[in-house]
Each structure stands twice: as C-alpha cells, then as structure tokens.
N, C-alpha and C. Protein backbone atom coordinates (compact mmCIF):
# COMPACT_ATOMS: atom_id res chain seq x y z
N MET A 1 -8.89 2.29 24.88
CA MET A 1 -8.09 2.78 23.75
C MET A 1 -7.09 3.78 24.32
N ARG A 2 -5.88 3.74 23.86
CA ARG A 2 -4.85 4.67 24.25
C ARG A 2 -4.96 6.00 23.46
N THR A 3 -4.66 7.10 24.10
CA THR A 3 -4.59 8.33 23.40
C THR A 3 -3.12 8.77 23.33
N ILE A 4 -2.77 9.40 22.26
CA ILE A 4 -1.35 9.81 22.11
C ILE A 4 -1.32 11.33 22.21
N ASP A 5 -0.44 11.82 23.12
CA ASP A 5 -0.22 13.23 23.23
C ASP A 5 0.85 13.71 22.22
N LEU A 6 0.46 14.51 21.29
CA LEU A 6 1.36 14.93 20.22
C LEU A 6 1.89 16.38 20.54
N SER A 7 1.65 16.91 21.72
CA SER A 7 2.04 18.23 21.99
C SER A 7 3.53 18.44 22.01
N PRO A 8 4.43 17.45 22.35
CA PRO A 8 5.86 17.60 22.21
C PRO A 8 6.27 17.84 20.75
N LEU A 9 5.55 17.25 19.87
CA LEU A 9 5.96 17.38 18.49
C LEU A 9 5.74 18.85 17.98
N TYR A 10 4.75 19.48 18.51
CA TYR A 10 4.50 20.86 18.06
C TYR A 10 5.57 21.85 18.49
N ARG A 11 6.33 21.45 19.52
CA ARG A 11 7.39 22.36 19.99
C ARG A 11 8.59 22.39 19.07
N SER A 12 8.85 21.22 18.37
CA SER A 12 10.05 21.16 17.61
C SER A 12 9.81 20.87 16.10
N PHE A 13 8.57 20.58 15.66
CA PHE A 13 8.30 20.31 14.32
C PHE A 13 7.33 21.35 13.77
N ILE A 14 7.71 21.90 12.64
CA ILE A 14 6.90 22.92 11.99
C ILE A 14 6.06 22.20 10.94
N GLY A 15 4.74 22.39 10.94
CA GLY A 15 3.94 21.69 9.97
C GLY A 15 3.62 20.27 10.36
N SER A 16 3.65 19.96 11.62
CA SER A 16 3.40 18.54 12.08
C SER A 16 1.98 18.18 12.18
N ASP A 17 1.11 19.13 11.77
CA ASP A 17 -0.32 18.79 11.71
C ASP A 17 -0.58 17.60 10.74
N HIS A 18 0.26 17.54 9.60
CA HIS A 18 0.08 16.45 8.75
C HIS A 18 0.55 15.11 9.42
N LEU A 19 1.62 15.20 10.18
CA LEU A 19 2.11 14.00 10.96
C LEU A 19 1.03 13.53 11.85
N ALA A 20 0.33 14.51 12.55
CA ALA A 20 -0.68 14.16 13.46
C ALA A 20 -1.87 13.41 12.83
N SER A 21 -2.19 13.91 11.62
CA SER A 21 -3.26 13.29 10.93
C SER A 21 -2.94 11.82 10.44
N LEU A 22 -1.60 11.64 10.08
CA LEU A 22 -1.07 10.30 9.79
C LEU A 22 -1.21 9.40 10.98
N VAL A 23 -0.78 9.91 12.14
CA VAL A 23 -0.83 9.05 13.39
C VAL A 23 -2.29 8.76 13.73
N ASP A 24 -3.16 9.65 13.49
CA ASP A 24 -4.52 9.45 13.76
C ASP A 24 -5.15 8.38 12.86
N ALA A 25 -4.73 8.39 11.54
CA ALA A 25 -5.27 7.50 10.59
C ALA A 25 -4.69 6.07 10.93
N ALA A 26 -3.48 5.98 11.44
CA ALA A 26 -2.87 4.70 11.72
C ALA A 26 -3.46 4.16 12.99
N SER A 27 -3.95 5.01 13.89
CA SER A 27 -4.52 4.49 15.11
C SER A 27 -5.92 4.01 14.96
N ARG A 28 -6.57 4.43 13.89
CA ARG A 28 -7.91 3.84 13.62
C ARG A 28 -7.75 2.36 13.23
N ALA A 29 -8.48 1.59 13.97
CA ALA A 29 -8.36 0.09 13.68
C ALA A 29 -9.24 -0.29 12.60
N GLU A 30 -8.70 -0.29 11.34
CA GLU A 30 -9.52 -0.83 10.24
C GLU A 30 -9.39 -2.32 10.29
N LYS A 31 -10.52 -2.97 10.19
CA LYS A 31 -10.47 -4.44 10.27
C LYS A 31 -10.17 -5.02 8.88
N GLN A 32 -9.00 -5.48 8.75
CA GLN A 32 -8.61 -6.18 7.48
C GLN A 32 -8.28 -7.57 7.93
N SER A 33 -8.73 -8.51 7.05
CA SER A 33 -8.47 -9.97 7.32
C SER A 33 -6.97 -10.18 7.02
N THR A 34 -6.48 -11.31 7.41
CA THR A 34 -5.06 -11.63 7.13
C THR A 34 -4.95 -12.34 5.78
N TYR A 35 -6.02 -12.42 5.04
CA TYR A 35 -6.00 -13.04 3.72
C TYR A 35 -6.05 -11.96 2.60
N PRO A 36 -5.26 -12.05 1.62
CA PRO A 36 -4.18 -13.05 1.37
C PRO A 36 -2.89 -12.62 2.07
N PRO A 37 -2.02 -13.58 2.31
CA PRO A 37 -0.74 -13.26 2.92
C PRO A 37 0.11 -12.44 2.04
N TYR A 38 0.97 -11.56 2.63
CA TYR A 38 1.75 -10.64 1.74
C TYR A 38 3.12 -10.34 2.42
N ASN A 39 4.04 -9.89 1.64
CA ASN A 39 5.35 -9.37 2.11
C ASN A 39 5.48 -7.93 1.64
N ILE A 40 6.27 -7.16 2.38
CA ILE A 40 6.65 -5.85 1.95
C ILE A 40 8.15 -5.77 2.04
N GLU A 41 8.84 -5.59 0.85
CA GLU A 41 10.29 -5.54 0.82
C GLU A 41 10.82 -4.17 0.55
N LEU A 42 11.98 -3.89 1.03
CA LEU A 42 12.72 -2.67 0.76
C LEU A 42 13.81 -3.15 -0.24
N LEU A 43 13.67 -2.72 -1.49
CA LEU A 43 14.64 -3.17 -2.51
C LEU A 43 15.80 -2.20 -2.60
N GLY A 44 15.69 -0.99 -2.30
CA GLY A 44 16.74 0.05 -2.30
C GLY A 44 16.30 1.16 -1.41
N ASP A 45 17.04 2.34 -1.49
CA ASP A 45 16.82 3.40 -0.67
C ASP A 45 15.36 3.88 -0.82
N ASP A 46 14.86 3.98 -1.97
CA ASP A 46 13.48 4.46 -2.18
C ASP A 46 12.68 3.56 -3.07
N LYS A 47 12.96 2.26 -3.03
CA LYS A 47 12.28 1.30 -3.87
C LYS A 47 11.68 0.20 -2.97
N TYR A 48 10.38 -0.13 -3.27
CA TYR A 48 9.65 -1.09 -2.46
C TYR A 48 8.95 -2.07 -3.36
N ARG A 49 8.63 -3.25 -2.73
CA ARG A 49 7.78 -4.22 -3.46
C ARG A 49 6.93 -4.89 -2.45
N VAL A 50 5.66 -5.01 -2.90
CA VAL A 50 4.61 -5.75 -2.13
C VAL A 50 4.37 -7.04 -2.96
N THR A 51 4.46 -8.18 -2.29
CA THR A 51 4.25 -9.47 -2.87
C THR A 51 3.09 -10.15 -2.11
N MET A 52 2.07 -10.52 -2.93
CA MET A 52 0.90 -11.21 -2.30
C MET A 52 0.74 -12.55 -2.87
N ALA A 53 0.43 -13.46 -2.07
CA ALA A 53 0.15 -14.90 -2.48
C ALA A 53 -1.32 -15.01 -2.81
N ILE A 54 -1.64 -15.09 -4.11
CA ILE A 54 -2.94 -15.15 -4.57
C ILE A 54 -3.23 -16.35 -5.45
N ALA A 55 -2.88 -17.55 -4.97
CA ALA A 55 -3.09 -18.77 -5.77
C ALA A 55 -4.49 -18.91 -6.22
N GLY A 56 -4.66 -19.27 -7.43
CA GLY A 56 -5.99 -19.53 -7.99
C GLY A 56 -6.68 -18.30 -8.66
N PHE A 57 -6.04 -17.15 -8.53
CA PHE A 57 -6.51 -15.92 -9.20
C PHE A 57 -5.80 -15.69 -10.51
N SER A 58 -6.45 -15.25 -11.48
CA SER A 58 -5.88 -14.89 -12.74
C SER A 58 -5.68 -13.33 -12.83
N LYS A 59 -4.94 -12.86 -13.81
CA LYS A 59 -4.78 -11.41 -14.02
C LYS A 59 -6.16 -10.73 -14.12
N ASP A 60 -7.15 -11.41 -14.80
CA ASP A 60 -8.46 -10.75 -14.98
C ASP A 60 -9.21 -10.68 -13.72
N ASP A 61 -8.85 -11.44 -12.64
CA ASP A 61 -9.58 -11.47 -11.40
C ASP A 61 -9.08 -10.40 -10.42
N VAL A 62 -8.00 -9.80 -10.68
CA VAL A 62 -7.34 -8.81 -9.81
C VAL A 62 -7.38 -7.44 -10.36
N SER A 63 -7.68 -6.50 -9.46
CA SER A 63 -7.74 -5.05 -9.72
C SER A 63 -6.76 -4.29 -8.80
N ILE A 64 -5.92 -3.46 -9.45
CA ILE A 64 -5.01 -2.59 -8.61
C ILE A 64 -5.28 -1.17 -8.84
N GLU A 65 -5.57 -0.38 -7.78
CA GLU A 65 -5.85 0.98 -7.94
C GLU A 65 -5.13 1.83 -6.88
N VAL A 66 -4.83 3.09 -7.21
CA VAL A 66 -4.29 3.98 -6.26
C VAL A 66 -5.26 5.12 -6.08
N GLN A 67 -5.73 5.35 -4.83
CA GLN A 67 -6.72 6.40 -4.58
C GLN A 67 -6.24 7.19 -3.42
N GLU A 68 -5.79 8.42 -3.67
CA GLU A 68 -5.42 9.36 -2.61
C GLU A 68 -4.40 8.72 -1.60
N ASN A 69 -3.27 8.29 -2.09
CA ASN A 69 -2.21 7.73 -1.24
C ASN A 69 -2.59 6.37 -0.60
N THR A 70 -3.58 5.71 -1.23
CA THR A 70 -3.98 4.40 -0.75
C THR A 70 -3.88 3.44 -1.92
N LEU A 71 -3.14 2.35 -1.77
CA LEU A 71 -3.07 1.29 -2.76
C LEU A 71 -4.15 0.25 -2.43
N VAL A 72 -5.05 0.07 -3.32
CA VAL A 72 -6.16 -0.89 -3.08
C VAL A 72 -6.07 -2.05 -4.10
N ILE A 73 -5.92 -3.30 -3.53
CA ILE A 73 -5.81 -4.46 -4.40
C ILE A 73 -7.01 -5.32 -4.11
N THR A 74 -7.76 -5.57 -5.20
CA THR A 74 -9.00 -6.35 -5.07
C THR A 74 -8.99 -7.55 -5.85
N GLY A 75 -9.34 -8.67 -5.34
CA GLY A 75 -9.42 -9.93 -6.07
C GLY A 75 -10.87 -10.45 -6.09
N THR A 76 -11.47 -10.66 -7.22
CA THR A 76 -12.86 -11.05 -7.33
C THR A 76 -12.87 -12.28 -8.29
N ARG A 77 -13.18 -13.41 -7.69
CA ARG A 77 -13.35 -14.66 -8.51
C ARG A 77 -14.69 -14.67 -9.20
N LYS A 78 -14.70 -15.03 -10.43
CA LYS A 78 -15.92 -15.19 -11.14
C LYS A 78 -16.51 -16.57 -10.78
N PRO A 79 -17.81 -16.61 -10.58
CA PRO A 79 -18.35 -17.93 -10.24
C PRO A 79 -18.24 -18.89 -11.39
N GLU A 80 -17.68 -20.04 -11.11
CA GLU A 80 -17.46 -21.13 -12.09
C GLU A 80 -18.76 -21.68 -12.51
N GLU A 81 -18.83 -22.11 -13.71
CA GLU A 81 -20.12 -22.82 -14.12
C GLU A 81 -20.15 -24.20 -13.44
N LYS A 82 -21.28 -24.68 -13.22
CA LYS A 82 -21.49 -25.97 -12.56
C LYS A 82 -20.81 -27.05 -13.36
N GLU A 83 -19.94 -27.84 -12.66
CA GLU A 83 -19.25 -28.88 -13.32
C GLU A 83 -20.14 -30.10 -13.43
N SER A 84 -19.90 -30.96 -14.37
CA SER A 84 -20.71 -32.11 -14.50
C SER A 84 -20.44 -33.12 -13.42
N VAL A 85 -19.17 -33.14 -12.87
CA VAL A 85 -18.82 -33.97 -11.73
C VAL A 85 -18.54 -33.08 -10.63
N GLU A 86 -19.29 -33.23 -9.50
CA GLU A 86 -19.09 -32.39 -8.34
C GLU A 86 -17.79 -32.75 -7.63
N ARG A 87 -17.03 -31.76 -7.24
CA ARG A 87 -15.82 -31.98 -6.64
C ARG A 87 -15.96 -32.28 -5.09
N LYS A 88 -15.32 -33.24 -4.56
CA LYS A 88 -15.34 -33.64 -3.18
C LYS A 88 -14.01 -33.48 -2.57
N PHE A 89 -13.84 -32.55 -1.55
CA PHE A 89 -12.58 -32.25 -0.95
C PHE A 89 -12.42 -33.06 0.32
N LEU A 90 -11.29 -33.66 0.56
CA LEU A 90 -10.94 -34.28 1.75
C LEU A 90 -10.36 -33.22 2.76
N HIS A 91 -9.59 -32.28 2.11
CA HIS A 91 -9.04 -31.12 2.90
C HIS A 91 -9.00 -29.96 1.86
N LYS A 92 -9.51 -28.83 2.27
CA LYS A 92 -9.48 -27.68 1.40
C LYS A 92 -8.77 -26.55 2.12
N GLY A 93 -7.47 -26.39 1.69
CA GLY A 93 -6.60 -25.44 2.33
C GLY A 93 -6.33 -24.23 1.44
N ILE A 94 -6.72 -24.29 0.14
CA ILE A 94 -6.50 -23.23 -0.78
C ILE A 94 -7.73 -22.37 -0.79
N SER A 95 -7.65 -21.17 -0.23
CA SER A 95 -8.83 -20.29 -0.21
C SER A 95 -9.19 -19.76 -1.56
N GLU A 96 -10.40 -19.67 -1.85
CA GLU A 96 -10.90 -19.12 -3.11
C GLU A 96 -11.81 -17.97 -2.95
N ARG A 97 -11.66 -17.33 -1.80
CA ARG A 97 -12.61 -16.24 -1.57
C ARG A 97 -12.11 -14.89 -2.10
N ASN A 98 -12.98 -13.96 -2.26
CA ASN A 98 -12.64 -12.66 -2.74
C ASN A 98 -11.92 -11.87 -1.62
N PHE A 99 -11.17 -10.84 -2.02
CA PHE A 99 -10.44 -10.11 -0.98
C PHE A 99 -10.30 -8.67 -1.49
N GLU A 100 -10.04 -7.84 -0.51
CA GLU A 100 -9.65 -6.44 -0.73
C GLU A 100 -8.60 -6.06 0.33
N ARG A 101 -7.42 -5.63 -0.13
CA ARG A 101 -6.31 -5.33 0.78
C ARG A 101 -5.94 -3.87 0.50
N LYS A 102 -5.76 -3.04 1.53
CA LYS A 102 -5.41 -1.64 1.35
C LYS A 102 -4.05 -1.41 2.06
N PHE A 103 -3.21 -0.63 1.37
CA PHE A 103 -1.96 -0.18 1.92
C PHE A 103 -1.88 1.36 1.83
N GLN A 104 -1.53 1.93 2.94
CA GLN A 104 -1.35 3.43 2.98
C GLN A 104 0.05 3.76 2.42
N LEU A 105 0.09 4.56 1.33
CA LEU A 105 1.37 4.98 0.71
C LEU A 105 1.86 6.27 1.31
N GLY A 106 3.20 6.43 1.42
CA GLY A 106 3.75 7.67 1.83
C GLY A 106 3.69 8.67 0.80
N ASP A 107 4.00 9.96 1.12
CA ASP A 107 4.08 11.02 0.18
C ASP A 107 5.02 10.67 -0.99
N HIS A 108 4.62 10.95 -2.15
CA HIS A 108 5.50 10.77 -3.36
C HIS A 108 5.83 9.41 -3.71
N VAL A 109 5.11 8.41 -3.12
CA VAL A 109 5.38 6.98 -3.57
C VAL A 109 4.49 6.71 -4.75
N LYS A 110 5.08 6.28 -5.80
CA LYS A 110 4.42 5.94 -7.04
C LYS A 110 4.46 4.47 -7.34
N VAL A 111 3.34 3.91 -7.80
CA VAL A 111 3.37 2.51 -8.23
C VAL A 111 3.89 2.45 -9.62
N LEU A 112 4.95 1.70 -9.82
CA LEU A 112 5.68 1.62 -11.06
C LEU A 112 5.14 0.46 -11.95
N ALA A 113 4.99 -0.77 -11.41
CA ALA A 113 4.67 -1.88 -12.17
C ALA A 113 4.03 -2.90 -11.34
N ALA A 114 3.27 -3.83 -11.97
CA ALA A 114 2.65 -5.02 -11.26
C ALA A 114 2.80 -6.19 -12.22
N ASP A 115 3.17 -7.30 -11.61
CA ASP A 115 3.43 -8.55 -12.38
C ASP A 115 2.91 -9.70 -11.59
N MET A 116 2.44 -10.76 -12.25
CA MET A 116 2.02 -12.00 -11.58
C MET A 116 2.69 -13.20 -12.12
N GLU A 117 3.26 -13.94 -11.22
CA GLU A 117 4.09 -15.09 -11.60
C GLU A 117 3.98 -16.19 -10.54
N ASN A 118 3.63 -17.37 -10.91
CA ASN A 118 3.54 -18.57 -10.00
C ASN A 118 2.65 -18.32 -8.83
N GLY A 119 1.51 -17.61 -9.07
CA GLY A 119 0.56 -17.40 -7.97
C GLY A 119 0.96 -16.28 -7.04
N LEU A 120 1.96 -15.48 -7.38
CA LEU A 120 2.39 -14.39 -6.55
C LEU A 120 2.22 -13.11 -7.39
N LEU A 121 1.60 -12.13 -6.77
CA LEU A 121 1.38 -10.77 -7.32
C LEU A 121 2.52 -9.89 -6.81
N HIS A 122 3.31 -9.29 -7.72
CA HIS A 122 4.36 -8.42 -7.32
C HIS A 122 4.02 -6.95 -7.77
N ILE A 123 4.05 -6.00 -6.79
CA ILE A 123 3.75 -4.60 -7.10
C ILE A 123 5.03 -3.79 -6.69
N ASP A 124 5.61 -3.16 -7.64
CA ASP A 124 6.86 -2.39 -7.44
C ASP A 124 6.53 -0.89 -7.30
N MET A 125 7.13 -0.26 -6.28
CA MET A 125 6.87 1.17 -6.06
C MET A 125 8.21 1.83 -5.80
N GLU A 126 8.13 3.18 -5.98
CA GLU A 126 9.29 3.96 -5.73
C GLU A 126 8.85 5.33 -5.15
N ARG A 127 9.69 5.82 -4.28
CA ARG A 127 9.43 7.22 -3.77
C ARG A 127 10.22 8.10 -4.71
N VAL A 128 9.47 9.05 -5.41
CA VAL A 128 10.02 9.98 -6.33
C VAL A 128 9.80 11.35 -5.74
N ILE A 129 10.87 11.95 -5.21
CA ILE A 129 10.72 13.25 -4.54
C ILE A 129 10.97 14.34 -5.66
N PRO A 130 9.94 15.26 -5.76
CA PRO A 130 10.14 16.28 -6.77
C PRO A 130 11.30 17.22 -6.41
N GLU A 131 11.84 17.82 -7.46
CA GLU A 131 12.95 18.74 -7.26
C GLU A 131 12.70 19.80 -6.23
N ALA A 132 11.42 20.37 -6.25
CA ALA A 132 11.07 21.46 -5.39
C ALA A 132 10.99 20.95 -3.88
N LYS A 133 10.93 19.69 -3.67
CA LYS A 133 10.82 19.15 -2.29
C LYS A 133 12.20 18.70 -1.78
N LYS A 134 13.21 18.58 -2.67
CA LYS A 134 14.55 18.15 -2.22
C LYS A 134 15.20 19.25 -1.46
N PRO A 135 16.14 18.90 -0.57
CA PRO A 135 16.91 19.92 0.23
C PRO A 135 17.73 20.83 -0.71
N ARG A 136 17.81 22.11 -0.35
CA ARG A 136 18.66 22.98 -1.10
C ARG A 136 19.43 23.86 -0.11
N GLN A 137 20.57 24.32 -0.51
CA GLN A 137 21.44 25.16 0.32
C GLN A 137 20.94 26.60 0.11
N ILE A 138 20.79 27.31 1.25
CA ILE A 138 20.40 28.77 1.23
C ILE A 138 21.63 29.55 1.63
N GLU A 139 22.04 30.46 0.77
CA GLU A 139 23.14 31.32 1.07
C GLU A 139 22.72 32.42 1.99
N ILE A 140 23.59 32.78 2.95
CA ILE A 140 23.34 33.90 3.78
C ILE A 140 23.42 35.17 3.03
N GLY A 141 22.44 36.06 3.19
CA GLY A 141 22.40 37.30 2.50
C GLY A 141 21.67 37.28 1.22
N SER A 142 21.21 36.08 0.81
CA SER A 142 20.45 35.94 -0.47
C SER A 142 18.92 36.15 -0.19
N ARG A 143 18.21 36.48 -1.20
CA ARG A 143 16.75 36.68 -1.05
C ARG A 143 16.05 35.69 -2.11
N LEU A 144 15.11 35.04 -1.56
CA LEU A 144 14.33 34.13 -2.44
C LEU A 144 13.18 35.01 -3.02
N ILE A 145 13.11 35.01 -4.30
CA ILE A 145 12.03 35.82 -5.00
C ILE A 145 11.00 34.82 -5.55
N GLU A 146 9.83 34.89 -5.03
CA GLU A 146 8.75 34.11 -5.50
C GLU A 146 8.09 34.74 -6.72
N SER A 147 7.80 34.01 -7.72
CA SER A 147 7.17 34.55 -8.88
C SER A 147 5.74 33.98 -9.12
C-alpha cells in the first residue's frame, strides 16, 4: 500500500487537516461491488446528477438517505410469492439482487430530488455555499467585529 506525504500541503494550506482526512478516507479501500451501474453527471457549475440502472426495482424497493456527507442508496427486493408455474431461464442477465451504494458528498452538497423512470434512478444534487462561506472583499484599515 502506498503512503502519501501531505507535508507539502501544510506549508501552503491553512486548515488542510480536513483535506488530509478526506484523502485518508479516499485511500481506504471500501469494497463496493460494481452493481448497479451508475453515471455521475455535471449539469452546471454546482449541479450534479447520479443516475443508476436499477431495472426490476420499484420506488418501494429503493431507499435514499444522506448520513454525514454520505449518500446511501439501498435497494431491497421483497421475496416474491411462489408462482404456480416455475420460471425456467435459458439466460439470466438481469440481476435481481439487493444492493447498497455509497457516494461521498462534498461540503455543502445537498440532495434536491430523486426520480425513477424507465428503470433509471436519477438523484439531483447541488452545492449550496452559505453566504458566510462565500468570498468577501476585506478593506485595508477596516476591523472585523465579531459579535
């Protein structure tokens, strides 16, 4: 396993301890399967969309949660009642297994909406930076008074 030396960051970045923790979290190899397939799109400067192919799942089978900057999408199929005629597959390429997919969200990224159409789950997100975090001009000779 490779180790990353972050000491050059500390010379020029103030508060980079948060960045170091993000790099550390990314370097941890969480084993996620490749199922279901997904796309991540950049729709605008601060707008994103995750699209997942979840054929065979209904809205009731899918759960979407945000937990501490982690988007968790879980699909759980309910066991079907025994059919009177047993199905015999010559080829079974449509997976019907349960899944859990996690995405790490950046700071201030909010999930706006989720929609399901034609077997595709679309989750729209946007980075909403609070006014207090936006850049501001500091006049020379002025004093910032904290209250």
